[in-house]
PDB file of N, CA and C in Angstrom:
ATOM      1  N   MET A   1     102.172  58.473 134.214  1.00  0.00           N
ATOM      2  CA  MET A   1     101.047  59.281 133.597  1.00  0.00           C
ATOM      3  C   MET A   1      99.799  58.659 133.242  1.00  0.00           C
ATOM      4  N   GLU A   2      98.758  59.670 133.611  1.00  0.00           N
ATOM      5  CA  GLU A   2      97.822  59.765 133.426  1.00  0.00           C
ATOM      6  C   GLU A   2      96.968  60.426 132.769  1.00  0.00           C
ATOM      7  N   LYS A   3      95.722  59.990 131.961  1.00  0.00           N
ATOM      8  CA  LYS A   3      94.975  60.344 131.293  1.00  0.00           C
ATOM      9  C   LYS A   3      94.622  61.965 131.956  1.00  0.00           C
ATOM     10  N   GLY A   4      95.246  62.489 130.656  1.00  0.00           N
ATOM     11  CA  GLY A   4      94.306  64.400 130.603  1.00  0.00           C
ATOM     12  C   GLY A   4      95.483  64.841 131.074  1.00  0.00           C
ATOM     13  N   GLN A   5      96.886  64.425 131.590  1.00  0.00           N
ATOM     14  CA  GLN A   5      97.492  65.584 131.478  1.00  0.00           C
ATOM     15  C   GLN A   5      98.150  66.014 130.352  1.00  0.00           C
ATOM     16  N   ILE A   6      99.186  67.333 130.518  1.00  0.00           N
ATOM     17  CA  ILE A   6      99.577  68.199 129.514  1.00  0.00           C
ATOM     18  C   ILE A   6     101.040  68.186 129.139  1.00  0.00           C
ATOM     19  N   TYR A   7     101.955  67.513 128.567  1.00  0.00           N
ATOM     20  CA  TYR A   7     103.572  67.488 128.209  1.00  0.00           C
ATOM     21  C   TYR A   7     103.399  68.570 127.055  1.00  0.00           C
ATOM     22  N   ARG A   8     104.897  69.456 127.059  1.00  0.00           N
ATOM     23  CA  ARG A   8     104.944  69.808 126.434  1.00  0.00           C
ATOM     24  C   ARG A   8     106.269  69.588 126.189  1.00  0.00           C
ATOM     25  N   CYS A   9     107.177  69.769 124.795  1.00  0.00           N
ATOM     26  CA  CYS A   9     108.779  70.048 124.398  1.00  0.00           C
ATOM     27  C   CYS A   9     109.274  71.286 124.420  1.00  0.00           C
ATOM     28  N   ASN A  10     110.258  71.020 124.930  1.00  0.00           N
ATOM     29  CA  ASN A  10     110.962  72.308 125.128  1.00  0.00           C
ATOM     30  C   ASN A  10     112.018  72.555 124.311  1.00  0.00           C
ATOM     31  N   VAL A  11     111.723  71.689 122.757  1.00  0.00           N
ATOM     32  CA  VAL A  11     112.738  72.130 122.113  1.00  0.00           C
ATOM     33  C   VAL A  11     111.618  73.186 121.056  1.00  0.00           C
ATOM     34  N   CYS A  12     110.334  72.486 120.694  1.00  0.00           N
ATOM     35  CA  CYS A  12     109.745  72.688 119.573  1.00  0.00           C
ATOM     36  C   CYS A  12     108.411  73.347 119.952  1.00  0.00           C
ATOM     37  N   GLY A  13     108.192  73.350 121.087  1.00  0.00           N
ATOM     38  CA  GLY A  13     107.027  73.863 121.765  1.00  0.00           C
ATOM     39  C   GLY A  13     105.936  73.080 121.435  1.00  0.00           C
ATOM     40  N   ASN A  14     105.445  71.970 121.395  1.00  0.00           N
ATOM     41  CA  ASN A  14     104.242  71.188 120.483  1.00  0.00           C
ATOM     42  C   ASN A  14     104.144  70.758 122.416  1.00  0.00           C
ATOM     43  N   ILE A  15     102.650  71.130 121.606  1.00  0.00           N
ATOM     44  CA  ILE A  15     101.997  70.289 123.656  1.00  0.00           C
ATOM     45  C   ILE A  15     101.107  69.166 123.335  1.00  0.00           C
ATOM     46  N   VAL A  16     101.077  68.101 124.123  1.00  0.00           N
ATOM     47  CA  VAL A  16     100.221  67.259 123.927  1.00  0.00           C
ATOM     48  C   VAL A  16      98.958  66.681 124.645  1.00  0.00           C
ATOM     49  N   GLU A  17      98.032  65.910 124.843  1.00  0.00           N
ATOM     50  CA  GLU A  17      97.197  65.804 125.742  1.00  0.00           C
ATOM     51  C   GLU A  17      96.970  63.958 126.390  1.00  0.00           C
ATOM     52  N   LEU A  18      97.272  63.829 127.101  1.00  0.00           N
ATOM     53  CA  LEU A  18      97.132  62.053 127.186  1.00  0.00           C
ATOM     54  C   LEU A  18      95.674  61.821 127.099  1.00  0.00           C
ATOM     55  N   ILE A  19      95.136  60.932 126.039  1.00  0.00           N
ATOM     56  CA  ILE A  19      93.667  60.762 125.967  1.00  0.00           C
ATOM     57  C   ILE A  19      93.621  59.256 126.257  1.00  0.00           C
ATOM     58  N   HIS A  20      95.100  58.864 125.976  1.00  0.00           N
ATOM     59  CA  HIS A  20      94.825  57.313 126.310  1.00  0.00           C
ATOM     60  C   HIS A  20      96.073  56.697 126.933  1.00  0.00           C
ATOM     61  N   VAL A  21      96.407  56.081 127.964  1.00  0.00           N
ATOM     62  CA  VAL A  21      97.312  56.139 128.277  1.00  0.00           C
ATOM     63  C   VAL A  21      97.905  54.165 128.210  1.00  0.00           C
ATOM     64  N   GLY A  22      99.028  54.070 127.289  1.00  0.00           N
ATOM     65  CA  GLY A  22      99.150  52.929 127.498  1.00  0.00           C
ATOM     66  C   GLY A  22     100.771  52.826 127.975  1.00  0.00           C
ATOM     67  N   GLY A  23     101.296  53.119 128.489  1.00  0.00           N
ATOM     68  CA  GLY A  23     103.228  52.966 129.402  1.00  0.00           C
ATOM     69  C   GLY A  23     104.060  53.867 128.000  1.00  0.00           C
ATOM     70  N   GLY A  24     105.183  53.513 128.196  1.00  0.00           N
ATOM     71  CA  GLY A  24     105.930  54.792 127.630  1.00  0.00           C
ATOM     72  C   GLY A  24     106.172  55.827 127.787  1.00  0.00           C
ATOM     73  N   ASN A  25     107.233  55.978 127.750  1.00  0.00           N
ATOM     74  CA  ASN A  25     107.918  57.541 127.458  1.00  0.00           C
ATOM     75  C   ASN A  25     107.366  58.812 126.201  1.00  0.00           C
ATOM     76  N   LEU A  26     106.461  59.982 126.520  1.00  0.00           N
ATOM     77  CA  LEU A  26     106.628  60.646 125.335  1.00  0.00           C
ATOM     78  C   LEU A  26     107.654  61.626 124.897  1.00  0.00           C
ATOM     79  N   VAL A  27     108.055  61.708 123.645  1.00  0.00           N
ATOM     80  CA  VAL A  27     109.708  62.384 123.026  1.00  0.00           C
ATOM     81  C   VAL A  27     108.941  62.641 122.014  1.00  0.00           C
ATOM     82  N   CYS A  28     109.261  64.176 121.853  1.00  0.00           N
ATOM     83  CA  CYS A  28     109.726  65.079 120.767  1.00  0.00           C
ATOM     84  C   CYS A  28     111.198  65.741 120.595  1.00  0.00           C
ATOM     85  N   CYS A  29     111.713  65.727 119.409  1.00  0.00           N
ATOM     86  CA  CYS A  29     112.868  66.049 118.913  1.00  0.00           C
ATOM     87  C   CYS A  29     114.095  65.850 119.395  1.00  0.00           C
ATOM     88  N   GLY A  30     114.056  64.584 120.375  1.00  0.00           N
ATOM     89  CA  GLY A  30     114.691  63.730 120.498  1.00  0.00           C
ATOM     90  C   GLY A  30     114.893  63.784 122.117  1.00  0.00           C
ATOM     91  N   ASN A  31     114.115  63.820 123.091  1.00  0.00           N
ATOM     92  CA  ASN A  31     113.887  64.720 123.807  1.00  0.00           C
ATOM     93  C   ASN A  31     112.781  64.035 124.932  1.00  0.00           C
ATOM     94  N   GLU A  32     112.982  63.807 126.227  1.00  0.00           N
ATOM     95  CA  GLU A  32     110.958  63.421 126.488  1.00  0.00           C
ATOM     96  C   GLU A  32     110.744  64.834 127.208  1.00  0.00           C
ATOM     97  N   MET A  33     109.293  64.865 126.982  1.00  0.00           N
ATOM     98  CA  MET A  33     108.496  65.864 126.324  1.00  0.00           C
ATOM     99  C   MET A  33     108.182  66.058 128.340  1.00  0.00           C
ATOM    100  N   GLU A  34     108.001  67.565 128.640  1.00  0.00           N
ATOM    101  CA  GLU A  34     107.518  68.115 130.054  1.00  0.00           C
ATOM    102  C   GLU A  34     106.345  68.044 130.325  1.00  0.00           C
ATOM    103  N   LEU A  35     106.760  67.174 131.622  1.00  0.00           N
ATOM    104  CA  LEU A  35     105.553  66.960 132.553  1.00  0.00           C
ATOM    105  C   LEU A  35     104.639  68.613 132.994  1.00  0.00           C
ATOM    106  N   LEU A  36     103.553  68.997 132.518  1.00  0.00           N
ATOM    107  CA  LEU A  36     103.527  70.701 133.220  1.00  0.00           C
ATOM    108  C   LEU A  36     102.486  70.396 134.013  1.00  0.00           C
ATOM    109  N   SER A  37     102.950  70.939 135.025  1.00  0.00           N
ATOM    110  CA  SER A  37     101.773  70.846 136.267  1.00  0.00           C
ATOM    111  C   SER A  37     101.127  71.918 136.545  1.00  0.00           C
ATOM    112  N   GLU A  38      99.588  71.604 137.697  1.00  0.00           N
ATOM    113  CA  GLU A  38      98.564  72.736 136.854  1.00  0.00           C
ATOM    114  C   GLU A  38      98.876  73.568 138.325  1.00  0.00           C
ATOM    115  N   GLU A  39      99.030  74.894 137.877  1.00  0.00           N
ATOM    116  CA  GLU A  39      99.086  75.515 139.162  1.00  0.00           C
ATOM    117  C   GLU A  39      98.055  76.191 139.535  1.00  0.00           C
ATOM    118  N   PRO A  40      97.172  75.617 141.282  1.00  0.00           N
ATOM    119  CA  PRO A  40      96.582  76.502 141.362  1.00  0.00           C
ATOM    120  C   PRO A  40      96.098  77.827 142.419  1.00  0.00           C
ATOM    121  N   LYS A  41      97.608  78.381 142.528  1.00  0.00           N
ATOM    122  CA  LYS A  41      97.582  79.656 142.674  1.00  0.00           C
ATOM    123  C   LYS A  41      98.175  80.226 141.953  1.00  0.00           C
ATOM    124  N   ASP A  42      97.377  82.006 141.911  1.00  0.00           N
ATOM    125  CA  ASP A  42      98.968  82.981 141.482  1.00  0.00           C
ATOM    126  C   ASP A  42      99.716  83.352 141.824  1.00  0.00           C
ATOM    127  N   VAL A  43     100.018  83.963 141.187  1.00  0.00           N
ATOM    128  CA  VAL A  43     102.005  84.296 141.831  1.00  0.00           C
ATOM    129  C   VAL A  43     102.155  86.091 141.259  1.00  0.00           C
ATOM    130  N   GLY A  44     102.029  87.221 141.812  1.00  0.00           N
ATOM    131  CA  GLY A  44     102.578  88.395 140.652  1.00  0.00           C
ATOM    132  C   GLY A  44     101.185  88.997 140.518  1.00  0.00           C
ATOM    133  N   ALA A  45     101.503  89.889 139.978  1.00  0.00           N
ATOM    134  CA  ALA A  45     100.082  91.221 139.196  1.00  0.00           C
ATOM    135  C   ALA A  45      99.442  90.457 138.350  1.00  0.00           C
ATOM    136  N   GLU A  46      99.497  89.398 137.409  1.00  0.00           N
ATOM    137  CA  GLU A  46      98.702  88.677 136.622  1.00  0.00           C
ATOM    138  C   GLU A  46      98.422  88.254 137.077  1.00  0.00           C
ATOM    139  N   LYS A  47      97.259  87.509 136.700  1.00  0.00           N
ATOM    140  CA  LYS A  47      95.657  86.526 136.640  1.00  0.00           C
ATOM    141  C   LYS A  47      95.961  85.782 136.219  1.00  0.00           C
ATOM    142  N   HIS A  48      95.224  83.527 136.772  1.00  0.00           N
ATOM    143  CA  HIS A  48      95.801  83.075 135.609  1.00  0.00           C
ATOM    144  C   HIS A  48      94.817  82.290 136.412  1.00  0.00           C
ATOM    145  N   VAL A  49      94.422  81.844 137.569  1.00  0.00           N
ATOM    146  CA  VAL A  49      93.824  80.677 138.172  1.00  0.00           C
ATOM    147  C   VAL A  49      91.600  81.100 137.297  1.00  0.00           C
ATOM    148  N   PRO A  50      91.553  79.643 136.279  1.00  0.00           N
ATOM    149  CA  PRO A  50      90.397  80.478 135.762  1.00  0.00           C
ATOM    150  C   PRO A  50      89.286  80.347 137.001  1.00  0.00           C
ATOM    151  N   VAL A  51      88.425  81.603 137.117  1.00  0.00           N
ATOM    152  CA  VAL A  51      87.051  81.538 137.849  1.00  0.00           C
ATOM    153  C   VAL A  51      85.672  81.259 137.358  1.00  0.00           C
ATOM    154  N   LEU A  52      85.397  80.311 137.441  1.00  0.00           N
ATOM    155  CA  LEU A  52      83.755  79.707 137.131  1.00  0.00           C
ATOM    156  C   LEU A  52      83.108  80.485 137.607  1.00  0.00           C
ATOM    157  N   GLU A  53      82.252  80.190 137.035  1.00  0.00           N
ATOM    158  CA  GLU A  53      80.372  81.156 137.160  1.00  0.00           C
ATOM    159  C   GLU A  53      79.547  79.825 136.511  1.00  0.00           C
ATOM    160  N   LYS A  54      78.444  79.996 137.094  1.00  0.00           N
ATOM    161  CA  LYS A  54      77.260  79.193 136.716  1.00  0.00           C
ATOM    162  C   LYS A  54      76.270  80.241 135.127  1.00  0.00           C
ATOM    163  N   THR A  55      76.075  79.158 134.640  1.00  0.00           N
ATOM    164  CA  THR A  55      74.848  80.556 133.972  1.00  0.00           C
ATOM    165  C   THR A  55      73.414  79.174 133.831  1.00  0.00           C
ATOM    166  N   GLU A  56      72.872  80.227 132.985  1.00  0.00           N
ATOM    167  CA  GLU A  56      71.767  79.710 132.790  1.00  0.00           C
ATOM    168  C   GLU A  56      72.039  77.822 132.256  1.00  0.00           C
ATOM    169  N   LYS A  57      72.526  78.931 131.222  1.00  0.00           N
ATOM    170  CA  LYS A  57      73.110  77.647 129.894  1.00  0.00           C
ATOM    171  C   LYS A  57      73.771  76.238 130.784  1.00  0.00           C
ATOM    172  N   GLY A  58      75.073  76.736 131.371  1.00  0.00           N
ATOM    173  CA  GLY A  58      76.188  75.751 131.825  1.00  0.00           C
ATOM    174  C   GLY A  58      77.521  76.184 132.662  1.00  0.00           C
ATOM    175  N   PHE A  59      78.052  76.997 131.848  1.00  0.00           N
ATOM    176  CA  PHE A  59      79.369  77.762 133.225  1.00  0.00           C
ATOM    177  C   PHE A  59      80.011  78.463 132.376  1.00  0.00           C
ATOM    178  N   LYS A  60      80.546  79.501 132.592  1.00  0.00           N
ATOM    179  CA  LYS A  60      81.736  80.685 132.040  1.00  0.00           C
ATOM    180  C   LYS A  60      83.126  80.054 132.799  1.00  0.00           C
ATOM    181  N   VAL A  61      83.859  80.193 132.374  1.00  0.00           N
ATOM    182  CA  VAL A  61      84.918  80.721 132.333  1.00  0.00           C
ATOM    183  C   VAL A  61      85.681  81.592 131.830  1.00  0.00           C
ATOM    184  N   LYS A  62      86.356  82.568 133.466  1.00  0.00           N
ATOM    185  CA  LYS A  62      87.091  83.866 132.609  1.00  0.00           C
ATOM    186  C   LYS A  62      88.662  83.323 133.282  1.00  0.00           C
ATOM    187  N   VAL A  63      89.683  83.923 132.869  1.00  0.00           N
ATOM    188  CA  VAL A  63      90.851  83.755 133.518  1.00  0.00           C
ATOM    189  C   VAL A  63      91.617  84.937 134.560  1.00  0.00           C
ATOM    190  N   GLY A  64      91.500  84.762 135.432  1.00  0.00           N
ATOM    191  CA  GLY A  64      91.801  85.334 137.310  1.00  0.00           C
ATOM    192  C   GLY A  64      90.525  86.602 137.182  1.00  0.00           C
ATOM    193  N   SER A  65      90.764  87.187 138.118  1.00  0.00           N
ATOM    194  CA  SER A  65      89.733  88.410 138.722  1.00  0.00           C
ATOM    195  C   SER A  65      90.052  89.305 137.894  1.00  0.00           C
ATOM    196  N   VAL A  66      91.084  89.570 137.371  1.00  0.00           N
ATOM    197  CA  VAL A  66      91.100  90.813 135.952  1.00  0.00           C
ATOM    198  C   VAL A  66      91.670  90.538 134.801  1.00  0.00           C
ATOM    199  N   PRO A  67      91.146  90.796 134.095  1.00  0.00           N
ATOM    200  CA  PRO A  67      91.210  90.822 132.414  1.00  0.00           C
ATOM    201  C   PRO A  67      93.046  90.028 132.091  1.00  0.00           C
ATOM    202  N   HIS A  68      93.341  88.673 132.018  1.00  0.00           N
ATOM    203  CA  HIS A  68      94.662  88.486 131.481  1.00  0.00           C
ATOM    204  C   HIS A  68      94.956  88.872 129.662  1.00  0.00           C
ATOM    205  N   PRO A  69      96.129  89.459 129.647  1.00  0.00           N
ATOM    206  CA  PRO A  69      96.460  90.215 128.620  1.00  0.00           C
ATOM    207  C   PRO A  69      96.456  88.897 127.922  1.00  0.00           C
ATOM    208  N   MET A  70      96.074  89.376 126.020  1.00  0.00           N
ATOM    209  CA  MET A  70      95.615  88.739 124.776  1.00  0.00           C
ATOM    210  C   MET A  70      96.589  89.007 123.666  1.00  0.00           C
ATOM    211  N   GLU A  71      97.907  89.486 124.208  1.00  0.00           N
ATOM    212  CA  GLU A  71      98.527  89.671 123.223  1.00  0.00           C
ATOM    213  C   GLU A  71      99.465  88.958 122.469  1.00  0.00           C
ATOM    214  N   GLU A  72     100.271  89.522 121.276  1.00  0.00           N
ATOM    215  CA  GLU A  72     100.783  88.258 120.019  1.00  0.00           C
ATOM    216  C   GLU A  72     101.606  87.063 120.994  1.00  0.00           C
ATOM    217  N   THR A  73     102.204  87.530 121.417  1.00  0.00           N
ATOM    218  CA  THR A  73     103.347  86.410 122.530  1.00  0.00           C
ATOM    219  C   THR A  73     103.266  86.245 124.169  1.00  0.00           C
ATOM    220  N   HIS A  74     101.608  86.615 124.387  1.00  0.00           N
ATOM    221  CA  HIS A  74     101.792  86.722 125.832  1.00  0.00           C
ATOM    222  C   HIS A  74     100.166  86.384 125.475  1.00  0.00           C
ATOM    223  N   PHE A  75      99.441  85.169 125.583  1.00  0.00           N
ATOM    224  CA  PHE A  75      97.928  85.121 125.599  1.00  0.00           C
ATOM    225  C   PHE A  75      97.281  83.668 126.117  1.00  0.00           C
ATOM    226  N   ILE A  76      96.600  83.910 126.565  1.00  0.00           N
ATOM    227  CA  ILE A  76      95.603  82.446 127.374  1.00  0.00           C
ATOM    228  C   ILE A  76      95.623  81.986 125.969  1.00  0.00           C
ATOM    229  N   GLU A  77      96.066  80.305 125.289  1.00  0.00           N
ATOM    230  CA  GLU A  77      95.615  79.393 124.319  1.00  0.00           C
ATOM    231  C   GLU A  77      94.580  78.906 124.323  1.00  0.00           C
ATOM    232  N   TRP A  78      94.339  78.467 125.192  1.00  0.00           N
ATOM    233  CA  TRP A  78      93.012  77.774 125.055  1.00  0.00           C
ATOM    234  C   TRP A  78      92.533  77.446 127.262  1.00  0.00           C
ATOM    235  N   ILE A  79      91.065  76.974 126.863  1.00  0.00           N
ATOM    236  CA  ILE A  79      90.205  77.052 128.728  1.00  0.00           C
ATOM    237  C   ILE A  79      89.568  75.919 128.454  1.00  0.00           C
ATOM    238  N   GLU A  80      89.376  74.583 129.464  1.00  0.00           N
ATOM    239  CA  GLU A  80      89.072  73.534 129.174  1.00  0.00           C
ATOM    240  C   GLU A  80      87.679  73.602 130.268  1.00  0.00           C
ATOM    241  N   LEU A  81      86.946  72.803 130.075  1.00  0.00           N
ATOM    242  CA  LEU A  81      85.978  72.860 131.080  1.00  0.00           C
ATOM    243  C   LEU A  81      86.086  71.356 131.520  1.00  0.00           C
ATOM    244  N   ARG A  82      85.604  70.873 132.777  1.00  0.00           N
ATOM    245  CA  ARG A  82      85.829  69.261 132.408  1.00  0.00           C
ATOM    246  C   ARG A  82      84.620  69.218 134.031  1.00  0.00           C
ATOM    247  N   ALA A  83      83.797  68.209 133.258  1.00  0.00           N
ATOM    248  CA  ALA A  83      82.695  67.839 134.121  1.00  0.00           C
ATOM    249  C   ALA A  83      82.606  66.240 134.170  1.00  0.00           C
ATOM    250  N   GLY A  84      83.202  65.585 135.578  1.00  0.00           N
ATOM    251  CA  GLY A  84      83.186  64.159 134.916  1.00  0.00           C
ATOM    252  C   GLY A  84      83.483  63.416 134.276  1.00  0.00           C
ATOM    253  N   ASP A  85      83.459  62.767 132.984  1.00  0.00           N
ATOM    254  CA  ASP A  85      83.934  62.205 131.832  1.00  0.00           C
ATOM    255  C   ASP A  85      83.240  63.437 130.452  1.00  0.00           C
ATOM    256  N   GLU A  86      83.023  64.531 130.612  1.00  0.00           N
ATOM    257  CA  GLU A  86      83.055  65.315 129.507  1.00  0.00           C
ATOM    258  C   GLU A  86      83.812  66.691 129.943  1.00  0.00           C
ATOM    259  N   VAL A  87      84.626  66.872 128.649  1.00  0.00           N
ATOM    260  CA  VAL A  87      85.858  67.660 128.734  1.00  0.00           C
ATOM    261  C   VAL A  87      85.046  68.787 127.534  1.00  0.00           C
ATOM    262  N   CYS A  88      84.991  69.843 127.778  1.00  0.00           N
ATOM    263  CA  CYS A  88      85.123  71.291 126.340  1.00  0.00           C
ATOM    264  C   CYS A  88      85.897  71.869 126.535  1.00  0.00           C
ATOM    265  N   LYS A  89      86.719  72.283 125.421  1.00  0.00           N
ATOM    266  CA  LYS A  89      88.017  73.475 125.260  1.00  0.00           C
ATOM    267  C   LYS A  89      86.963  74.202 123.983  1.00  0.00           C
ATOM    268  N   LYS A  90      87.450  75.374 124.618  1.00  0.00           N
ATOM    269  CA  LYS A  90      87.987  76.652 123.441  1.00  0.00           C
ATOM    270  C   LYS A  90      89.106  77.149 123.569  1.00  0.00           C
ATOM    271  N   PHE A  91      89.780  77.205 121.930  1.00  0.00           N
ATOM    272  CA  PHE A  91      91.086  77.340 121.674  1.00  0.00           C
ATOM    273  C   PHE A  91      90.702  78.944 121.758  1.00  0.00           C
ATOM    274  N   LEU A  92      91.675  80.161 121.767  1.00  0.00           N
ATOM    275  CA  LEU A  92      91.751  81.282 121.601  1.00  0.00           C
ATOM    276  C   LEU A  92      92.772  82.219 121.023  1.00  0.00           C
ATOM    277  N   LYS A  93      92.698  83.106 120.558  1.00  0.00           N
ATOM    278  CA  LYS A  93      94.038  83.311 119.905  1.00  0.00           C
ATOM    279  C   LYS A  93      94.150  85.187 120.672  1.00  0.00           C
ATOM    280  N   PRO A  94      95.529  85.516 120.101  1.00  0.00           N
ATOM    281  CA  PRO A  94      95.618  86.878 121.064  1.00  0.00           C
ATOM    282  C   PRO A  94      94.135  88.471 120.277  1.00  0.00           C
ATOM    283  N   GLY A  95      94.164  88.946 121.404  1.00  0.00           N
ATOM    284  CA  GLY A  95      93.323  89.912 120.909  1.00  0.00           C
ATOM    285  C   GLY A  95      91.116  89.245 121.750  1.00  0.00           C
ATOM    286  N   ASP A  96      90.864  87.835 121.682  1.00  0.00           N
ATOM    287  CA  ASP A  96      90.479  87.247 122.120  1.00  0.00           C
ATOM    288  C   ASP A  96      90.276  87.958 123.220  1.00  0.00           C
ATOM    289  N   ALA A  97      88.952  87.606 123.727  1.00  0.00           N
ATOM    290  CA  ALA A  97      88.092  87.961 125.726  1.00  0.00           C
ATOM    291  C   ALA A  97      89.272  86.737 126.117  1.00  0.00           C
ATOM    292  N   PRO A  98      90.067  86.502 127.129  1.00  0.00           N
ATOM    293  CA  PRO A  98      90.359  85.720 127.896  1.00  0.00           C
ATOM    294  C   PRO A  98      88.896  84.815 128.734  1.00  0.00           C
ATOM    295  N   GLU A  99      88.494  84.194 127.643  1.00  0.00           N
ATOM    296  CA  GLU A  99      86.957  83.751 128.722  1.00  0.00           C
ATOM    297  C   GLU A  99      86.527  82.735 127.796  1.00  0.00           C
ATOM    298  N   ALA A 100      85.584  81.569 128.384  1.00  0.00           N
ATOM    299  CA  ALA A 100      84.691  81.002 127.452  1.00  0.00           C
ATOM    300  C   ALA A 100      83.349  80.278 128.310  1.00  0.00           C
ATOM    301  N   GLU A 101      82.730  80.323 127.661  1.00  0.00           N
ATOM    302  CA  GLU A 101      81.269  79.285 127.768  1.00  0.00           C
ATOM    303  C   GLU A 101      81.023  78.427 127.741  1.00  0.00           C
ATOM    304  N   PHE A 102      80.360  77.350 128.325  1.00  0.00           N
ATOM    305  CA  PHE A 102      80.377  76.200 128.056  1.00  0.00           C
ATOM    306  C   PHE A 102      78.558  75.650 128.566  1.00  0.00           C
ATOM    307  N   GLU A 103      78.337  75.195 127.272  1.00  0.00           N
ATOM    308  CA  GLU A 103      76.556  74.798 127.981  1.00  0.00           C
ATOM    309  C   GLU A 103      76.905  73.083 128.152  1.00  0.00           C
ATOM    310  N   ILE A 104      76.631  73.037 129.293  1.00  0.00           N
ATOM    311  CA  ILE A 104      76.388  71.593 129.963  1.00  0.00           C
ATOM    312  C   ILE A 104      75.417  72.155 131.019  1.00  0.00           C
ATOM    313  N   GLU A 105      74.377  71.157 130.651  1.00  0.00           N
ATOM    314  CA  GLU A 105      73.315  71.110 132.368  1.00  0.00           C
ATOM    315  C   GLU A 105      72.999  70.056 132.613  1.00  0.00           C
ATOM    316  N   GLY A 106      72.849  70.481 134.101  1.00  0.00           N
ATOM    317  CA  GLY A 106      72.673  68.986 135.095  1.00  0.00           C
ATOM    318  C   GLY A 106      73.751  68.580 135.962  1.00  0.00           C
ATOM    319  N   VAL A 107      74.445  69.641 135.739  1.00  0.00           N
ATOM    320  CA  VAL A 107      75.592  69.636 136.941  1.00  0.00           C
ATOM    321  C   VAL A 107      76.095  70.864 137.923  1.00  0.00           C
ATOM    322  N   GLU A 108      76.053  70.781 139.028  1.00  0.00           N
ATOM    323  CA  GLU A 108      76.721  71.471 139.776  1.00  0.00           C
ATOM    324  C   GLU A 108      77.922  72.366 140.060  1.00  0.00           C
ATOM    325  N   LEU A 109      78.213  73.464 140.010  1.00  0.00           N
ATOM    326  CA  LEU A 109      79.293  74.148 140.031  1.00  0.00           C
ATOM    327  C   LEU A 109      80.573  73.514 140.888  1.00  0.00           C
ATOM    328  N   SER A 110      80.357  71.932 141.846  1.00  0.00           N
ATOM    329  CA  SER A 110      81.076  72.032 142.854  1.00  0.00           C
ATOM    330  C   SER A 110      81.748  70.515 141.877  1.00  0.00           C
ATOM    331  N   ASP A 111      81.286  70.136 140.948  1.00  0.00           N
ATOM    332  CA  ASP A 111      81.652  69.376 139.976  1.00  0.00           C
ATOM    333  C   ASP A 111      82.063  69.592 139.453  1.00  0.00           C
ATOM    334  N   VAL A 112      82.509  71.035 139.075  1.00  0.00           N
ATOM    335  CA  VAL A 112      83.042  71.131 137.531  1.00  0.00           C
ATOM    336  C   VAL A 112      84.605  71.642 138.124  1.00  0.00           C
ATOM    337  N   LYS A 113      85.799  70.982 137.360  1.00  0.00           N
ATOM    338  CA  LYS A 113      87.105  71.944 137.341  1.00  0.00           C
ATOM    339  C   LYS A 113      87.196  72.937 135.730  1.00  0.00           C
ATOM    340  N   ALA A 114      87.852  73.591 135.881  1.00  0.00           N
ATOM    341  CA  ALA A 114      88.273  74.411 134.903  1.00  0.00           C
ATOM    342  C   ALA A 114      89.955  74.245 134.657  1.00  0.00           C
ATOM    343  N   ARG A 115      90.213  74.366 133.367  1.00  0.00           N
ATOM    344  CA  ARG A 115      91.998  74.808 133.875  1.00  0.00           C
ATOM    345  C   ARG A 115      92.300  75.573 131.832  1.00  0.00           C
ATOM    346  N   GLU A 116      93.660  76.091 131.830  1.00  0.00           N
ATOM    347  CA  GLU A 116      93.859  77.170 131.113  1.00  0.00           C
ATOM    348  C   GLU A 116      95.359  77.242 130.558  1.00  0.00           C
ATOM    349  N   TYR A 117      95.905  77.422 129.170  1.00  0.00           N
ATOM    350  CA  TYR A 117      97.028  77.667 129.728  1.00  0.00           C
ATOM    351  C   TYR A 117      97.645  78.950 128.185  1.00  0.00           C
ATOM    352  N   CYS A 118      98.649  79.154 129.219  1.00  0.00           N
ATOM    353  CA  CYS A 118      99.085  80.768 129.568  1.00  0.00           C
ATOM    354  C   CYS A 118     100.853  80.440 128.441  1.00  0.00           C
ATOM    355  N   THR A 119     100.825  80.904 127.373  1.00  0.00           N
ATOM    356  CA  THR A 119     101.847  80.487 126.542  1.00  0.00           C
ATOM    357  C   THR A 119     103.211  81.461 127.301  1.00  0.00           C
ATOM    358  N   ILE A 120     103.119  81.880 128.087  1.00  0.00           N
ATOM    359  CA  ILE A 120     104.396  81.809 129.202  1.00  0.00           C
ATOM    360  C   ILE A 120     104.536  81.694 130.451  1.00  0.00           C
ATOM    361  N   HIS A 121     103.203  81.795 130.970  1.00  0.00           N
ATOM    362  CA  HIS A 121     103.432  81.154 132.397  1.00  0.00           C
ATOM    363  C   HIS A 121     102.482  79.531 132.757  1.00  0.00           C
ATOM    364  N   GLY A 122     102.026  78.957 131.325  1.00  0.00           N
ATOM    365  CA  GLY A 122     102.056  77.544 131.378  1.00  0.00           C
ATOM    366  C   GLY A 122     100.746  77.290 131.900  1.00  0.00           C
ATOM    367  N   LEU A 123     100.179  76.511 132.720  1.00  0.00           N
ATOM    368  CA  LEU A 123      99.079  75.194 133.101  1.00  0.00           C
ATOM    369  C   LEU A 123      98.571  76.479 134.421  1.00  0.00           C
ATOM    370  N   TRP A 124      97.471  76.384 134.429  1.00  0.00           N
ATOM    371  CA  TRP A 124      96.980  76.796 135.720  1.00  0.00           C
ATOM    372  C   TRP A 124      94.932  76.208 135.687  1.00  0.00           C
ATOM    373  N   ARG A 125      94.973  76.044 137.041  1.00  0.00           N
ATOM    374  CA  ARG A 125      93.544  75.420 137.304  1.00  0.00           C
ATOM    375  C   ARG A 125      92.733  76.236 138.200  1.00  0.00           C
ATOM    376  N   SER A 126      91.746  75.316 138.236  1.00  0.00           N
ATOM    377  CA  SER A 126      90.779  76.574 139.355  1.00  0.00           C
ATOM    378  C   SER A 126      91.012  75.439 140.517  1.00  0.00           C
TER     379      SER A 126
END
């Protein structure tokens, strides 16, 4: 287990992120939770890989090279930006644009990573 990993319960759908690692197993609904792997490449017509852009005040993250659907049952639930020990997260809902802007100064694009969670296709990273 590592700090920042994302786990999902395959029974009820709970999702947790490790903030502190102390050992043991994550269990929900009587079953071990599934570690979600961060997919680095897109598959199929819909795009999921976060695209980073440096802005005047920080960074903009768009999901994919074409806008991801933001429907009731298929949408980007959250977008996260990591710059060293700083973590910023924006939660989205159906109908929102699949993008987020984060104000972080003094950080280069090469030092930033982004990830996002699609309610159908899981966890993706830049």
